[in-house]
């Protein structure tokens, strides 16, 4: 009596009599691998989306800070122009400025220094 090689018999039967079953098995395996690949790609895209979302938030905060800074600087400029136009204020000439000092409860007026 000759020993039987069971794996060889199964493979021979599948190749000779179950070509449709083998084709379906191959398609099921291909489908499973495609599901794995799609899941992986989805995961990668979700990570990219999260990174872009965080970057967008960071840039949005920077933009808001720049708007606040611009508003502050323009208000400062507006105050300066109002002081000059409406209140007739002007910059002090260092040659004509006078400094008042307080020494021991008495006020002292320093005259501008003349530069030659």
C-alpha atoms as a PDB file:
ATOM      1  CA  UNK A   1       0.000   0.000   0.000  1.00  0.00           C
ATOM      2  CA  UNK A   2       1.278   3.365  -1.036  1.00  0.00           C
ATOM      3  CA  UNK A   3       1.106   6.347   1.381  1.00  0.00           C
ATOM      4  CA  UNK A   4      -1.078   9.255   0.231  1.00  0.00           C
ATOM      5  CA  UNK A   5       0.170  12.809   0.184  1.00  0.00           C
ATOM      6  CA  UNK A   6      -2.913  14.680   1.431  1.00  0.00           C
ATOM      7  CA  UNK A   7      -1.803  18.259   0.603  1.00  0.00           C
ATOM      8  CA  UNK A   8      -0.938  17.243  -2.964  1.00  0.00           C
ATOM      9  CA  UNK A   9      -4.336  15.559  -3.379  1.00  0.00           C
ATOM     10  CA  UNK A  10      -6.171  18.658  -2.109  1.00  0.00           C
ATOM     11  CA  UNK A  11      -4.223  20.979  -4.398  1.00  0.00           C
ATOM     12  CA  UNK A  12      -4.775  18.639  -7.368  1.00  0.00           C
ATOM     13  CA  UNK A  13      -8.548  18.531  -6.704  1.00  0.00           C
ATOM     14  CA  UNK A  14      -8.729  22.304  -6.349  1.00  0.00           C
ATOM     15  CA  UNK A  15      -6.848  22.902  -9.605  1.00  0.00           C
ATOM     16  CA  UNK A  16      -8.759  20.297 -11.587  1.00  0.00           C
ATOM     17  CA  UNK A  17     -12.294  20.566 -10.202  1.00  0.00           C
ATOM     18  CA  UNK A  18     -12.680  23.860  -8.312  1.00  0.00           C
ATOM     19  CA  UNK A  19     -11.342  26.609 -10.521  1.00  0.00           C
ATOM     20  CA  UNK A  20     -14.290  28.868  -9.654  1.00  0.00           C
ATOM     21  CA  UNK A  21     -13.661  28.358  -5.931  1.00  0.00           C
ATOM     22  CA  UNK A  22      -9.974  29.226  -6.379  1.00  0.00           C
ATOM     23  CA  UNK A  23     -10.901  32.316  -8.332  1.00  0.00           C
ATOM     24  CA  UNK A  24     -13.346  33.383  -5.600  1.00  0.00           C
ATOM     25  CA  UNK A  25     -10.705  32.719  -2.927  1.00  0.00           C
ATOM     26  CA  UNK A  26      -8.199  34.867  -4.812  1.00  0.00           C
ATOM     27  CA  UNK A  27     -10.775  37.645  -5.171  1.00  0.00           C
ATOM     28  CA  UNK A  28     -11.631  37.490  -1.456  1.00  0.00           C
ATOM     29  CA  UNK A  29      -7.931  37.743  -0.541  1.00  0.00           C
ATOM     30  CA  UNK A  30      -7.438  40.613  -2.992  1.00  0.00           C
ATOM     31  CA  UNK A  31     -10.465  42.366  -1.510  1.00  0.00           C
ATOM     32  CA  UNK A  32      -9.085  41.892   2.017  1.00  0.00           C
ATOM     33  CA  UNK A  33      -5.733  43.418   1.025  1.00  0.00           C
ATOM     34  CA  UNK A  34      -7.487  46.334  -0.658  1.00  0.00           C
ATOM     35  CA  UNK A  35      -9.492  46.960   2.538  1.00  0.00           C
ATOM     36  CA  UNK A  36      -6.241  47.000   4.519  1.00  0.00           C
ATOM     37  CA  UNK A  37      -4.629  49.418   2.056  1.00  0.00           C
ATOM     38  CA  UNK A  38      -7.672  51.703   2.063  1.00  0.00           C
ATOM     39  CA  UNK A  39      -7.738  51.730   5.865  1.00  0.00           C
ATOM     40  CA  UNK A  40      -4.053  52.606   5.981  1.00  0.00           C
ATOM     41  CA  UNK A  41      -4.445  55.421   3.432  1.00  0.00           C
ATOM     42  CA  UNK A  42      -7.440  56.780   5.383  1.00  0.00           C
ATOM     43  CA  UNK A  43      -5.363  56.787   8.558  1.00  0.00           C
ATOM     44  CA  UNK A  44      -2.523  58.656   6.825  1.00  0.00           C
ATOM     45  CA  UNK A  45      -4.934  61.224   5.399  1.00  0.00           C
ATOM     46  CA  UNK A  46      -6.573  61.745   8.798  1.00  0.00           C
ATOM     47  CA  UNK A  47      -3.160  62.455  10.331  1.00  0.00           C
ATOM     48  CA  UNK A  48      -2.394  64.951   7.555  1.00  0.00           C
ATOM     49  CA  UNK A  49      -5.788  66.587   8.094  1.00  0.00           C
ATOM     50  CA  UNK A  50      -5.121  66.935  11.824  1.00  0.00           C
ATOM     51  CA  UNK A  51      -1.687  68.436  11.145  1.00  0.00           C
ATOM     52  CA  UNK A  52      -3.157  70.920   8.666  1.00  0.00           C
ATOM     53  CA  UNK A  53      -5.948  71.793  11.105  1.00  0.00           C
ATOM     54  CA  UNK A  54      -3.416  72.563  13.850  1.00  0.00           C
ATOM     55  CA  UNK A  55      -1.298  74.604  11.432  1.00  0.00           C
ATOM     56  CA  UNK A  56      -4.414  76.496  10.343  1.00  0.00           C
ATOM     57  CA  UNK A  57      -5.237  77.305  13.981  1.00  0.00           C
ATOM     58  CA  UNK A  58      -1.667  78.500  14.602  1.00  0.00           C
ATOM     59  CA  UNK A  59      -1.741  80.722  11.509  1.00  0.00           C
ATOM     60  CA  UNK A  60      -5.187  82.036  12.452  1.00  0.00           C
ATOM     61  CA  UNK A  61      -3.927  83.037  15.911  1.00  0.00           C
ATOM     62  CA  UNK A  62      -0.897  84.731  14.356  1.00  0.00           C
ATOM     63  CA  UNK A  63      -3.166  86.590  11.932  1.00  0.00           C
ATOM     64  CA  UNK A  64      -5.402  87.792  14.775  1.00  0.00           C
ATOM     65  CA  UNK A  65      -2.382  88.993  16.738  1.00  0.00           C
ATOM     66  CA  UNK A  66      -1.149  90.894  13.677  1.00  0.00           C
ATOM     67  CA  UNK A  67      -4.563  92.522  13.256  1.00  0.00           C
ATOM     68  CA  UNK A  68      -4.540  93.567  16.929  1.00  0.00           C
ATOM     69  CA  UNK A  69      -1.025  94.952  16.598  1.00  0.00           C
ATOM     70  CA  UNK A  70      -1.961  96.828  13.427  1.00  0.00           C
ATOM     71  CA  UNK A  71      -5.052  98.276  15.114  1.00  0.00           C
ATOM     72  CA  UNK A  72      -3.018  99.362  18.120  1.00  0.00           C
ATOM     73  CA  UNK A  73      -0.368 101.012  15.966  1.00  0.00           C
ATOM     74  CA  UNK A  74      -2.941 102.810  13.822  1.00  0.00           C
ATOM     75  CA  UNK A  75      -4.731 104.095  16.945  1.00  0.00           C
ATOM     76  CA  UNK A  76      -1.423 105.428  18.249  1.00  0.00           C
ATOM     77  CA  UNK A  77      -0.878 107.191  14.923  1.00  0.00           C
ATOM     78  CA  UNK A  78      -4.418 108.602  15.076  1.00  0.00           C
ATOM     79  CA  UNK A  79      -3.792 110.005  18.553  1.00  0.00           C
ATOM     80  CA  UNK A  80      -0.590 111.647  17.370  1.00  0.00           C
ATOM     81  CA  UNK A  81      -2.265 113.259  14.353  1.00  0.00           C
ATOM     82  CA  UNK A  82      -5.183 114.516  16.524  1.00  0.00           C
ATOM     83  CA  UNK A  83      -2.736 116.032  19.015  1.00  0.00           C
ATOM     84  CA  UNK A  84      -0.946 117.896  16.220  1.00  0.00           C
ATOM     85  CA  UNK A  85      -4.047 119.014  14.269  1.00  0.00           C
ATOM     86  CA  UNK A  86      -6.682 119.679  16.939  1.00  0.00           C
ATOM     87  CA  UNK A  87      -4.582 120.578  19.966  1.00  0.00           C
ATOM     88  CA  UNK A  88      -1.786 122.256  18.003  1.00  0.00           C
ATOM     89  CA  UNK A  89       0.853 120.262  19.836  1.00  0.00           C
ATOM     90  CA  UNK A  90       4.308 119.913  18.366  1.00  0.00           C
ATOM     91  CA  UNK A  91       7.549 118.089  18.941  1.00  0.00           C
ATOM     92  CA  UNK A  92       9.966 119.736  21.347  1.00  0.00           C
ATOM     93  CA  UNK A  93      13.069 121.314  19.929  1.00  0.00           C
ATOM     94  CA  UNK A  94      16.027 120.171  22.100  1.00  0.00           C
ATOM     95  CA  UNK A  95      17.526 123.657  21.813  1.00  0.00           C
ATOM     96  CA  UNK A  96      14.507 125.354  23.406  1.00  0.00           C
ATOM     97  CA  UNK A  97      13.313 122.754  25.903  1.00  0.00           C
ATOM     98  CA  UNK A  98      13.408 123.566  29.602  1.00  0.00           C
ATOM     99  CA  UNK A  99      13.591 120.953  32.321  1.00  0.00           C
ATOM    100  CA  UNK A 100      12.130 121.512  35.776  1.00  0.00           C
ATOM    101  CA  UNK A 101      13.868 119.632  38.593  1.00  0.00           C
ATOM    102  CA  UNK A 102      12.825 119.302  42.209  1.00  0.00           C
ATOM    103  CA  UNK A 103      15.663 119.365  44.709  1.00  0.00           C
ATOM    104  CA  UNK A 104      14.921 119.249  48.439  1.00  0.00           C
ATOM    105  CA  UNK A 105      11.393 120.542  48.032  1.00  0.00           C
ATOM    106  CA  UNK A 106      12.400 123.461  45.788  1.00  0.00           C
ATOM    107  CA  UNK A 107      11.843 123.669  42.053  1.00  0.00           C
ATOM    108  CA  UNK A 108      14.813 124.470  39.863  1.00  0.00           C
ATOM    109  CA  UNK A 109      14.617 125.387  36.179  1.00  0.00           C
ATOM    110  CA  UNK A 110      17.416 124.175  33.932  1.00  0.00           C
ATOM    111  CA  UNK A 111      18.029 126.300  30.886  1.00  0.00           C
ATOM    112  CA  UNK A 112      18.781 124.603  27.555  1.00  0.00           C
ATOM    113  CA  UNK A 113      22.416 124.112  26.834  1.00  0.00           C
ATOM    114  CA  UNK A 114      23.759 126.043  23.921  1.00  0.00           C
ATOM    115  CA  UNK A 115      25.694 123.971  21.393  1.00  0.00           C
ATOM    116  CA  UNK A 116      28.294 125.753  19.314  1.00  0.00           C
END
